[in-house]
N, C-alpha and C. Protein backbone atom coordinates (compact mmCIF):
# COMPACT_ATOMS: atom_id res chain seq x y z
N MET A 1 0.79 -1.21 0.02
CA MET A 1 0.11 -0.05 -0.02
C MET A 1 0.87 1.26 -0.03
N PHE A 2 0.57 2.04 -0.96
CA PHE A 2 1.27 3.37 -1.03
C PHE A 2 0.17 4.44 -0.67
N ALA A 3 0.53 5.32 0.15
CA ALA A 3 -0.59 6.49 0.53
C ALA A 3 0.26 7.80 0.58
N ASP A 4 -0.20 8.70 -0.14
CA ASP A 4 0.41 10.05 -0.32
C ASP A 4 -0.40 11.12 0.02
N LEU A 5 -0.15 12.00 0.82
CA LEU A 5 -1.02 13.12 1.09
C LEU A 5 -1.14 14.10 -0.07
N ARG A 6 -2.43 14.48 -0.32
CA ARG A 6 -2.66 15.39 -1.41
C ARG A 6 -2.95 16.82 -0.79
N GLY A 7 -2.38 17.84 -1.38
CA GLY A 7 -2.43 19.10 -0.93
C GLY A 7 -1.19 19.45 -0.06
N TYR A 8 -0.38 18.66 0.36
CA TYR A 8 0.74 18.74 1.25
C TYR A 8 1.67 19.82 0.66
N SER A 9 2.16 19.67 -0.51
CA SER A 9 3.20 20.69 -1.07
C SER A 9 2.69 21.97 -1.02
N THR A 10 1.33 22.39 -1.27
CA THR A 10 0.80 23.54 -1.21
C THR A 10 0.80 24.15 0.18
N PHE A 11 0.54 23.22 1.28
CA PHE A 11 0.44 23.60 2.54
C PHE A 11 1.82 23.89 3.10
N ALA A 12 2.90 23.03 2.67
CA ALA A 12 4.23 23.17 3.01
C ALA A 12 5.00 24.38 2.56
N GLU A 13 4.44 24.88 1.39
CA GLU A 13 4.97 26.10 0.61
C GLU A 13 4.64 27.36 1.60
N LYS A 14 3.41 27.25 2.31
CA LYS A 14 2.89 28.52 2.92
C LYS A 14 3.01 28.36 4.33
N ALA A 15 3.33 27.27 5.07
CA ALA A 15 3.44 27.16 6.44
C ALA A 15 4.83 27.14 6.98
N PRO A 16 5.12 27.58 8.27
CA PRO A 16 6.46 27.34 8.87
C PRO A 16 6.81 25.95 8.94
N PRO A 17 8.09 25.55 8.89
CA PRO A 17 8.51 24.15 9.04
C PRO A 17 7.91 23.51 10.18
N GLU A 18 7.87 24.31 11.35
CA GLU A 18 7.41 23.64 12.66
C GLU A 18 5.92 23.05 12.47
N LYS A 19 5.04 23.92 11.77
CA LYS A 19 3.69 23.61 11.34
C LYS A 19 3.65 22.39 10.54
N VAL A 20 4.55 22.39 9.63
CA VAL A 20 4.47 21.26 8.62
C VAL A 20 4.84 19.94 9.44
N VAL A 21 5.88 19.93 10.18
CA VAL A 21 6.26 18.71 10.86
C VAL A 21 5.03 18.36 11.93
N GLU A 22 4.41 19.30 12.38
CA GLU A 22 3.23 19.12 13.27
C GLU A 22 2.27 18.25 12.60
N LEU A 23 1.89 18.87 11.50
CA LEU A 23 0.75 18.22 10.49
C LEU A 23 1.11 16.88 10.02
N LEU A 24 2.43 16.59 9.63
CA LEU A 24 2.84 15.38 9.23
C LEU A 24 2.77 14.40 10.37
N ASN A 25 3.23 14.73 11.50
CA ASN A 25 3.07 13.79 12.61
C ASN A 25 1.65 13.42 13.06
N GLU A 26 0.82 14.46 12.91
CA GLU A 26 -0.61 14.13 13.24
C GLU A 26 -1.18 13.07 12.23
N TYR A 27 -0.85 13.32 10.99
CA TYR A 27 -1.39 12.40 9.88
C TYR A 27 -0.83 10.97 9.97
N PHE A 28 0.62 11.07 10.23
CA PHE A 28 1.27 9.79 10.31
C PHE A 28 0.85 8.89 11.49
N ALA A 29 0.52 9.59 12.67
CA ALA A 29 0.00 8.94 13.85
C ALA A 29 -1.27 8.12 13.53
N VAL A 30 -2.08 8.75 12.72
CA VAL A 30 -3.24 7.99 12.19
C VAL A 30 -3.09 6.84 11.38
N VAL A 31 -2.14 7.05 10.34
CA VAL A 31 -1.50 5.96 9.64
C VAL A 31 -1.12 4.71 10.41
N VAL A 32 -0.24 5.01 11.25
CA VAL A 32 0.41 3.93 12.13
C VAL A 32 -0.80 3.18 12.97
N GLN A 33 -1.58 4.00 13.47
CA GLN A 33 -2.79 3.29 14.23
C GLN A 33 -3.65 2.34 13.37
N VAL A 34 -4.00 2.82 12.14
CA VAL A 34 -4.87 2.14 11.26
C VAL A 34 -3.95 0.87 10.59
N VAL A 35 -2.84 1.10 10.29
CA VAL A 35 -2.17 0.01 9.63
C VAL A 35 -1.82 -1.09 10.86
N PHE A 36 -1.33 -0.65 11.87
CA PHE A 36 -1.05 -1.72 13.02
C PHE A 36 -2.35 -2.45 13.46
N ALA A 37 -3.44 -1.82 13.38
CA ALA A 37 -4.72 -2.32 13.83
C ALA A 37 -5.04 -3.58 13.02
N ARG A 38 -4.51 -3.67 11.78
CA ARG A 38 -4.85 -4.75 10.75
C ARG A 38 -3.69 -5.48 10.37
N GLU A 39 -2.73 -5.44 11.49
CA GLU A 39 -1.47 -6.22 11.48
C GLU A 39 -0.52 -6.10 10.23
N GLY A 40 -0.56 -4.76 9.66
CA GLY A 40 0.28 -4.41 8.64
C GLY A 40 1.64 -4.15 8.99
N THR A 41 2.51 -4.08 8.08
CA THR A 41 3.92 -3.63 8.40
C THR A 41 4.22 -2.32 7.87
N LEU A 42 4.46 -1.24 8.60
CA LEU A 42 4.92 -0.09 8.27
C LEU A 42 6.45 -0.21 7.56
N ASP A 43 6.45 -0.02 6.27
CA ASP A 43 7.63 -0.08 5.65
C ASP A 43 8.45 1.25 5.98
N LYS A 44 7.86 2.36 5.52
CA LYS A 44 8.61 3.67 5.82
C LYS A 44 7.76 4.83 5.48
N PHE A 45 8.17 6.03 5.99
CA PHE A 45 7.66 7.33 5.52
C PHE A 45 8.59 7.90 4.49
N LEU A 46 8.07 8.47 3.39
CA LEU A 46 8.85 9.05 2.27
C LEU A 46 8.25 10.37 2.22
N GLY A 47 8.74 11.37 2.99
CA GLY A 47 8.31 12.81 2.84
C GLY A 47 6.91 12.71 3.50
N ASP A 48 5.86 13.00 2.59
CA ASP A 48 4.34 13.06 3.13
C ASP A 48 3.85 11.58 2.55
N ALA A 49 4.62 10.67 2.09
CA ALA A 49 4.01 9.37 1.73
C ALA A 49 4.42 8.24 2.77
N VAL A 50 3.51 7.20 2.67
CA VAL A 50 3.64 6.22 3.58
C VAL A 50 3.53 4.80 2.77
N ILE A 51 4.50 3.88 3.15
CA ILE A 51 4.31 2.63 2.65
C ILE A 51 4.16 1.59 3.51
N ALA A 52 3.18 0.66 3.39
CA ALA A 52 2.84 -0.45 4.42
C ALA A 52 2.74 -1.65 3.56
N LEU A 53 3.13 -2.77 4.23
CA LEU A 53 3.14 -4.07 3.53
C LEU A 53 2.14 -4.91 4.32
N PHE A 54 1.63 -5.98 3.58
CA PHE A 54 0.76 -6.87 4.22
C PHE A 54 1.34 -8.26 3.67
N ASN A 55 1.12 -9.26 4.60
CA ASN A 55 1.71 -10.56 4.26
C ASN A 55 3.23 -10.75 4.32
N ALA A 56 3.80 -9.83 5.19
CA ALA A 56 5.22 -9.85 5.40
C ALA A 56 5.45 -9.01 6.75
N PRO A 57 6.28 -9.44 7.57
CA PRO A 57 7.07 -10.67 7.63
C PRO A 57 6.40 -11.85 7.83
N THR A 58 5.22 -11.98 8.31
CA THR A 58 4.56 -13.19 8.52
C THR A 58 3.38 -13.35 7.46
N THR A 59 3.03 -14.65 7.13
CA THR A 59 2.09 -14.94 6.13
C THR A 59 0.69 -14.42 6.76
N GLN A 60 -0.10 -13.94 5.86
CA GLN A 60 -1.63 -13.47 6.14
C GLN A 60 -2.32 -14.08 4.97
N ALA A 61 -3.17 -15.18 5.13
CA ALA A 61 -4.01 -15.65 4.10
C ALA A 61 -4.90 -14.57 3.65
N ASP A 62 -5.26 -13.66 4.43
CA ASP A 62 -6.36 -12.59 4.10
C ASP A 62 -5.62 -11.20 3.75
N HIS A 63 -4.49 -11.26 3.28
CA HIS A 63 -3.65 -9.95 3.06
C HIS A 63 -4.39 -9.03 2.33
N PRO A 64 -4.98 -9.42 1.17
CA PRO A 64 -5.60 -8.34 0.33
C PRO A 64 -6.82 -7.54 1.02
N LEU A 65 -7.48 -8.39 1.85
CA LEU A 65 -8.56 -7.86 2.60
C LEU A 65 -8.12 -6.95 3.70
N ARG A 66 -6.99 -7.28 4.33
CA ARG A 66 -6.47 -6.32 5.27
C ARG A 66 -5.98 -5.09 4.58
N ALA A 67 -5.42 -5.11 3.50
CA ALA A 67 -4.88 -3.94 2.82
C ALA A 67 -6.11 -3.15 2.32
N ALA A 68 -7.24 -3.72 1.95
CA ALA A 68 -8.38 -2.96 1.62
C ALA A 68 -8.98 -2.30 2.79
N GLU A 69 -9.17 -3.05 3.86
CA GLU A 69 -9.70 -2.47 5.04
C GLU A 69 -8.75 -1.39 5.74
N THR A 70 -7.59 -1.52 5.58
CA THR A 70 -6.55 -0.42 5.85
C THR A 70 -6.80 0.86 5.22
N ALA A 71 -6.85 0.73 3.81
CA ALA A 71 -7.05 1.77 2.92
C ALA A 71 -8.32 2.55 3.21
N LEU A 72 -9.42 1.72 3.28
CA LEU A 72 -10.58 2.35 3.67
C LEU A 72 -10.83 3.14 5.02
N ALA A 73 -10.27 2.37 5.92
CA ALA A 73 -10.24 2.94 7.31
C ALA A 73 -9.44 4.24 7.42
N LEU A 74 -8.22 4.16 6.57
CA LEU A 74 -7.33 5.38 6.76
C LEU A 74 -8.15 6.64 6.07
N GLN A 75 -8.91 6.42 4.93
CA GLN A 75 -9.69 7.45 4.42
C GLN A 75 -10.70 8.00 5.40
N GLN A 76 -11.44 7.04 6.12
CA GLN A 76 -12.46 7.47 6.89
C GLN A 76 -11.87 8.10 8.10
N THR A 77 -10.74 7.71 8.67
CA THR A 77 -10.11 8.28 9.87
C THR A 77 -9.61 9.70 9.50
N VAL A 78 -9.02 9.77 8.36
CA VAL A 78 -8.64 11.12 7.86
C VAL A 78 -9.81 12.04 7.69
N HIS A 79 -10.92 11.48 7.26
CA HIS A 79 -11.94 12.39 7.06
C HIS A 79 -12.47 13.06 8.47
N THR A 80 -12.37 12.17 9.43
CA THR A 80 -12.98 12.55 10.67
C THR A 80 -11.96 13.46 11.32
N LEU A 81 -10.63 13.33 11.06
CA LEU A 81 -9.60 14.14 11.63
C LEU A 81 -9.74 15.47 10.80
N ASN A 82 -10.04 15.57 9.65
CA ASN A 82 -10.20 16.85 8.92
C ASN A 82 -11.51 17.71 9.51
N GLN A 83 -12.52 16.87 9.72
CA GLN A 83 -13.62 17.54 10.40
C GLN A 83 -13.35 18.13 11.60
N GLU A 84 -12.59 17.64 12.48
CA GLU A 84 -12.17 18.13 13.73
C GLU A 84 -11.21 19.29 13.54
N ARG A 85 -10.38 19.28 12.67
CA ARG A 85 -9.40 20.37 12.33
C ARG A 85 -10.12 21.48 11.45
N LYS A 86 -11.19 21.35 10.99
CA LYS A 86 -11.83 22.31 10.08
C LYS A 86 -11.06 22.52 8.85
N GLY A 87 -10.82 21.38 8.13
CA GLY A 87 -10.04 21.31 6.95
C GLY A 87 -8.89 20.55 7.07
N GLY A 88 -8.13 20.21 6.00
CA GLY A 88 -7.16 19.38 6.00
C GLY A 88 -6.74 18.74 4.70
N LEU A 89 -5.98 17.67 4.74
CA LEU A 89 -5.49 17.02 3.62
C LEU A 89 -6.06 15.52 3.44
N ASN A 90 -5.89 14.90 2.30
CA ASN A 90 -6.52 13.53 2.13
C ASN A 90 -5.36 12.80 1.32
N PHE A 91 -5.49 11.52 1.55
CA PHE A 91 -4.61 10.60 0.88
C PHE A 91 -5.06 10.16 -0.44
N GLY A 92 -4.18 9.83 -1.37
CA GLY A 92 -4.46 9.15 -2.56
C GLY A 92 -3.67 7.79 -2.39
N ILE A 93 -4.34 6.65 -2.54
CA ILE A 93 -3.76 5.46 -2.14
C ILE A 93 -3.76 4.50 -3.39
N GLY A 94 -2.78 3.66 -3.43
CA GLY A 94 -2.50 2.67 -4.48
C GLY A 94 -2.36 1.37 -3.77
N LEU A 95 -3.08 0.45 -4.16
CA LEU A 95 -2.82 -1.19 -3.71
C LEU A 95 -2.63 -1.97 -4.91
N HIS A 96 -1.75 -2.78 -4.61
CA HIS A 96 -1.41 -3.98 -5.78
C HIS A 96 -0.93 -5.16 -5.04
N LEU A 97 -1.00 -6.28 -5.78
CA LEU A 97 -0.87 -7.55 -5.38
C LEU A 97 0.09 -8.22 -6.17
N GLY A 98 1.20 -8.89 -5.71
CA GLY A 98 2.10 -9.48 -6.64
C GLY A 98 3.40 -9.93 -5.68
N GLU A 99 4.34 -10.56 -6.49
CA GLU A 99 5.47 -10.94 -5.89
C GLU A 99 6.40 -9.86 -5.77
N ALA A 100 7.19 -9.98 -4.49
CA ALA A 100 8.18 -9.06 -4.27
C ALA A 100 9.26 -9.64 -3.22
N VAL A 101 10.37 -9.15 -3.39
CA VAL A 101 11.49 -9.69 -2.42
C VAL A 101 11.42 -8.68 -1.17
N VAL A 102 11.24 -9.36 -0.01
CA VAL A 102 11.13 -8.60 1.23
C VAL A 102 12.29 -8.99 2.10
N GLY A 103 12.96 -7.96 2.77
CA GLY A 103 13.99 -8.12 3.67
C GLY A 103 14.71 -6.94 3.73
N TYR A 104 15.96 -6.93 4.25
CA TYR A 104 16.84 -5.93 4.44
C TYR A 104 17.58 -5.62 3.31
N VAL A 105 17.63 -4.24 3.04
CA VAL A 105 18.30 -3.68 1.75
C VAL A 105 19.04 -2.52 2.15
N GLY A 106 20.18 -2.14 1.60
CA GLY A 106 20.87 -1.06 1.99
C GLY A 106 22.50 -1.39 1.86
N ALA A 107 23.13 -0.63 2.85
CA ALA A 107 24.62 -0.80 2.93
C ALA A 107 24.89 -1.33 4.29
N ALA A 108 26.00 -1.79 4.63
CA ALA A 108 26.33 -2.47 5.98
C ALA A 108 26.11 -1.30 7.03
N GLN A 109 26.28 -0.05 6.79
CA GLN A 109 26.10 0.90 7.89
C GLN A 109 24.52 1.28 8.10
N ALA A 110 23.73 1.08 7.00
CA ALA A 110 22.34 1.42 7.15
C ALA A 110 21.47 0.57 6.19
N MET A 111 20.75 -0.31 6.92
CA MET A 111 19.85 -1.35 6.21
C MET A 111 18.50 -1.04 6.73
N SER A 112 17.66 -1.17 5.75
CA SER A 112 16.22 -0.96 6.14
C SER A 112 15.39 -2.25 5.58
N TYR A 113 14.32 -2.61 6.35
CA TYR A 113 13.46 -3.70 5.86
C TYR A 113 12.48 -3.05 4.92
N THR A 114 12.38 -3.68 3.78
CA THR A 114 11.55 -3.12 2.65
C THR A 114 11.15 -4.20 1.65
N ALA A 115 10.30 -4.03 0.77
CA ALA A 115 9.98 -4.75 -0.29
C ALA A 115 10.44 -4.19 -1.66
N ILE A 116 11.04 -5.08 -2.51
CA ILE A 116 11.54 -4.56 -3.74
C ILE A 116 11.00 -5.38 -4.94
N GLY A 117 10.53 -4.76 -5.96
CA GLY A 117 10.10 -5.49 -7.14
C GLY A 117 9.05 -4.59 -7.96
N ASP A 118 8.70 -5.27 -9.19
CA ASP A 118 7.61 -4.36 -9.94
C ASP A 118 6.42 -4.19 -9.25
N THR A 119 6.08 -5.00 -8.31
CA THR A 119 4.74 -5.01 -7.59
C THR A 119 4.79 -3.71 -6.75
N VAL A 120 5.88 -3.47 -6.16
CA VAL A 120 5.90 -2.20 -5.33
C VAL A 120 5.82 -0.80 -6.26
N ASN A 121 6.59 -0.96 -7.49
CA ASN A 121 6.49 0.06 -8.32
C ASN A 121 4.95 0.27 -8.85
N VAL A 122 4.34 -0.78 -9.15
CA VAL A 122 2.93 -0.65 -9.59
C VAL A 122 2.09 0.13 -8.67
N ALA A 123 2.19 -0.40 -7.36
CA ALA A 123 1.44 0.24 -6.22
C ALA A 123 1.69 1.76 -6.17
N GLN A 124 3.08 2.13 -6.33
CA GLN A 124 3.33 3.55 -6.20
C GLN A 124 2.77 4.25 -7.32
N ARG A 125 2.86 3.75 -8.54
CA ARG A 125 2.20 4.37 -9.71
C ARG A 125 0.71 4.60 -9.56
N LEU A 126 0.08 3.53 -9.07
CA LEU A 126 -1.43 3.69 -8.75
C LEU A 126 -1.74 4.82 -7.87
N GLN A 127 -0.82 4.85 -6.69
CA GLN A 127 -1.06 6.07 -5.77
C GLN A 127 -0.75 7.27 -6.48
N GLU A 128 0.08 7.40 -7.35
CA GLU A 128 0.24 8.78 -8.07
C GLU A 128 -0.85 9.06 -8.81
N ALA A 129 -1.56 8.25 -9.54
CA ALA A 129 -2.72 8.46 -10.19
C ALA A 129 -3.87 8.78 -9.55
N ALA A 130 -4.03 8.32 -8.13
CA ALA A 130 -5.22 8.45 -7.53
C ALA A 130 -5.42 10.03 -7.04
N ARG A 131 -6.68 10.31 -7.09
CA ARG A 131 -7.07 11.73 -6.62
C ARG A 131 -7.15 11.80 -5.09
N PRO A 132 -7.25 12.97 -4.41
CA PRO A 132 -7.53 13.00 -3.01
C PRO A 132 -8.63 12.15 -2.64
N GLY A 133 -8.50 11.23 -1.79
CA GLY A 133 -9.59 10.54 -1.16
C GLY A 133 -9.94 9.19 -2.01
N GLN A 134 -9.18 8.83 -3.03
CA GLN A 134 -9.28 7.87 -3.95
C GLN A 134 -8.39 6.72 -3.64
N ILE A 135 -8.96 5.46 -3.80
CA ILE A 135 -8.13 4.28 -3.55
C ILE A 135 -8.12 3.54 -4.99
N LEU A 136 -7.01 3.51 -5.59
CA LEU A 136 -6.84 2.83 -6.90
C LEU A 136 -6.18 1.42 -6.64
N VAL A 137 -6.69 0.39 -7.44
CA VAL A 137 -6.18 -0.91 -7.24
C VAL A 137 -5.88 -1.58 -8.59
N SER A 138 -5.04 -2.58 -8.72
CA SER A 138 -4.83 -3.24 -10.02
C SER A 138 -5.75 -4.33 -10.06
N GLU A 139 -5.84 -4.75 -11.35
CA GLU A 139 -6.87 -5.88 -11.61
C GLU A 139 -6.50 -7.17 -10.72
N SER A 140 -5.42 -7.59 -10.45
CA SER A 140 -5.05 -8.65 -9.69
C SER A 140 -5.41 -8.53 -8.26
N PHE A 141 -5.34 -7.22 -7.77
CA PHE A 141 -5.91 -7.00 -6.44
C PHE A 141 -7.35 -7.05 -6.45
N ALA A 142 -8.04 -6.40 -7.31
CA ALA A 142 -9.55 -6.56 -7.33
C ALA A 142 -10.04 -7.98 -7.59
N ARG A 143 -9.36 -8.79 -8.42
CA ARG A 143 -9.73 -10.19 -8.58
C ARG A 143 -9.81 -10.93 -7.20
N ARG A 144 -8.85 -10.75 -6.44
CA ARG A 144 -8.80 -11.44 -5.25
C ARG A 144 -9.88 -11.03 -4.22
N LEU A 145 -10.44 -9.80 -4.29
CA LEU A 145 -11.46 -9.35 -3.50
C LEU A 145 -12.79 -9.20 -4.07
N ALA A 146 -12.98 -9.84 -5.32
CA ALA A 146 -14.25 -9.82 -6.18
C ALA A 146 -15.47 -10.00 -5.28
N LYS A 147 -15.44 -10.99 -4.31
CA LYS A 147 -16.64 -11.34 -3.67
C LYS A 147 -16.80 -10.60 -2.36
N GLN A 148 -15.80 -9.78 -2.02
CA GLN A 148 -15.66 -8.97 -0.59
C GLN A 148 -15.80 -7.54 -0.71
N ALA A 149 -15.59 -7.03 -1.89
CA ALA A 149 -15.48 -5.64 -2.19
C ALA A 149 -16.20 -4.92 -3.45
N SER A 150 -16.51 -3.93 -3.38
CA SER A 150 -17.01 -3.28 -4.56
C SER A 150 -15.99 -2.37 -5.21
N PHE A 151 -15.98 -2.41 -6.53
CA PHE A 151 -15.02 -1.57 -7.35
C PHE A 151 -15.69 -0.95 -8.53
N ARG A 152 -15.12 0.15 -8.90
CA ARG A 152 -15.50 0.61 -10.15
C ARG A 152 -14.34 0.71 -11.19
N GLN A 153 -14.54 0.02 -12.36
CA GLN A 153 -13.62 -0.01 -13.39
C GLN A 153 -13.14 1.36 -13.98
N LEU A 154 -11.99 1.62 -14.00
CA LEU A 154 -11.53 3.02 -14.58
C LEU A 154 -10.94 2.75 -16.00
N GLY A 155 -10.44 1.62 -16.38
CA GLY A 155 -9.94 1.37 -17.66
C GLY A 155 -8.47 1.21 -17.58
N ASN A 156 -7.87 0.95 -18.77
CA ASN A 156 -6.34 0.85 -18.67
C ASN A 156 -5.67 2.12 -18.55
N LEU A 157 -4.67 2.07 -17.80
CA LEU A 157 -3.83 3.25 -17.40
C LEU A 157 -2.48 3.10 -17.75
N PRO A 158 -1.81 3.93 -18.49
CA PRO A 158 -0.28 3.77 -18.62
C PRO A 158 0.32 4.24 -17.35
N LEU A 159 1.09 3.52 -16.87
CA LEU A 159 2.01 3.89 -15.70
C LEU A 159 3.41 4.35 -16.04
N ARG A 160 3.87 5.34 -15.35
CA ARG A 160 5.16 5.97 -15.66
C ARG A 160 6.25 4.82 -15.38
N GLY A 161 7.18 4.65 -16.40
CA GLY A 161 8.20 3.73 -16.22
C GLY A 161 7.82 2.30 -16.72
N ARG A 162 6.66 2.10 -17.08
CA ARG A 162 6.26 0.75 -17.60
C ARG A 162 5.82 0.78 -19.01
N GLU A 163 6.21 -0.27 -19.75
CA GLU A 163 5.80 -0.34 -21.11
C GLU A 163 4.41 -0.68 -21.37
N GLU A 164 3.83 -1.53 -20.42
CA GLU A 164 2.39 -1.86 -20.67
C GLU A 164 1.39 -1.17 -19.67
N SER A 165 0.30 -0.90 -20.19
CA SER A 165 -0.59 -0.24 -19.10
C SER A 165 -1.35 -1.28 -18.44
N ILE A 166 -2.10 -1.00 -17.30
CA ILE A 166 -2.62 -1.98 -16.59
C ILE A 166 -4.12 -1.51 -16.42
N LEU A 167 -5.09 -2.54 -16.10
CA LEU A 167 -6.41 -2.27 -15.86
C LEU A 167 -6.52 -1.65 -14.50
N VAL A 168 -7.02 -0.59 -14.30
CA VAL A 168 -7.03 0.13 -12.85
C VAL A 168 -8.61 0.23 -12.40
N LEU A 169 -8.79 -0.18 -11.15
CA LEU A 169 -10.09 -0.10 -10.58
C LEU A 169 -10.07 0.82 -9.36
N GLU A 170 -11.18 1.41 -8.98
CA GLU A 170 -11.25 2.19 -7.83
C GLU A 170 -12.02 1.29 -6.70
N LEU A 171 -11.51 1.22 -5.62
CA LEU A 171 -11.95 0.68 -4.56
C LEU A 171 -13.17 1.34 -3.98
N LEU A 172 -14.35 0.96 -3.88
CA LEU A 172 -15.42 1.75 -3.43
C LEU A 172 -15.84 1.41 -1.87
N GLY A 173 -15.65 0.11 -1.56
CA GLY A 173 -15.96 -0.39 -0.19
C GLY A 173 -16.14 -1.83 -0.13
N LEU A 174 -16.27 -2.38 1.07
CA LEU A 174 -16.52 -3.75 1.26
C LEU A 174 -17.92 -4.19 1.46
N LYS A 175 -18.16 -5.28 0.93
CA LYS A 175 -19.57 -5.84 0.94
C LYS A 175 -20.11 -6.26 2.40
């Protein structure tokens, strides 16, 4: 799962750095709570983006459902937070399912637990294409949850850095 704050750059341009950090920490606290509640693994924060993994480091037979629940709960929790704050930001989220190598990557002096592979790239590209408050998923992800979730097909989308476009769907909710 890739989730990136929409409207962050505009906010950061106008706000003092202390307020930017305060806002990021507030949103990231929500993310951590939502991801951990569904036994996801927080991979990392990348500026105003978050990467979370499911089915690693331990196997989860229902990992697509956990990822979908996380994405939907994150959007709902952020909506509530924004009502309390009288405005705010929203996440664009991308979910994809596939093979990846998961483990420690880096240099001897600095290693990080992460996932590497085309699967990760596709999830990130889906997130890039998502509008504020939107959850975009790949066809492989939607296929695994066809009986448990509702989707709206958006058509084939060319993804930056990939030769082939992929069928993209919007996650609307769980049944």
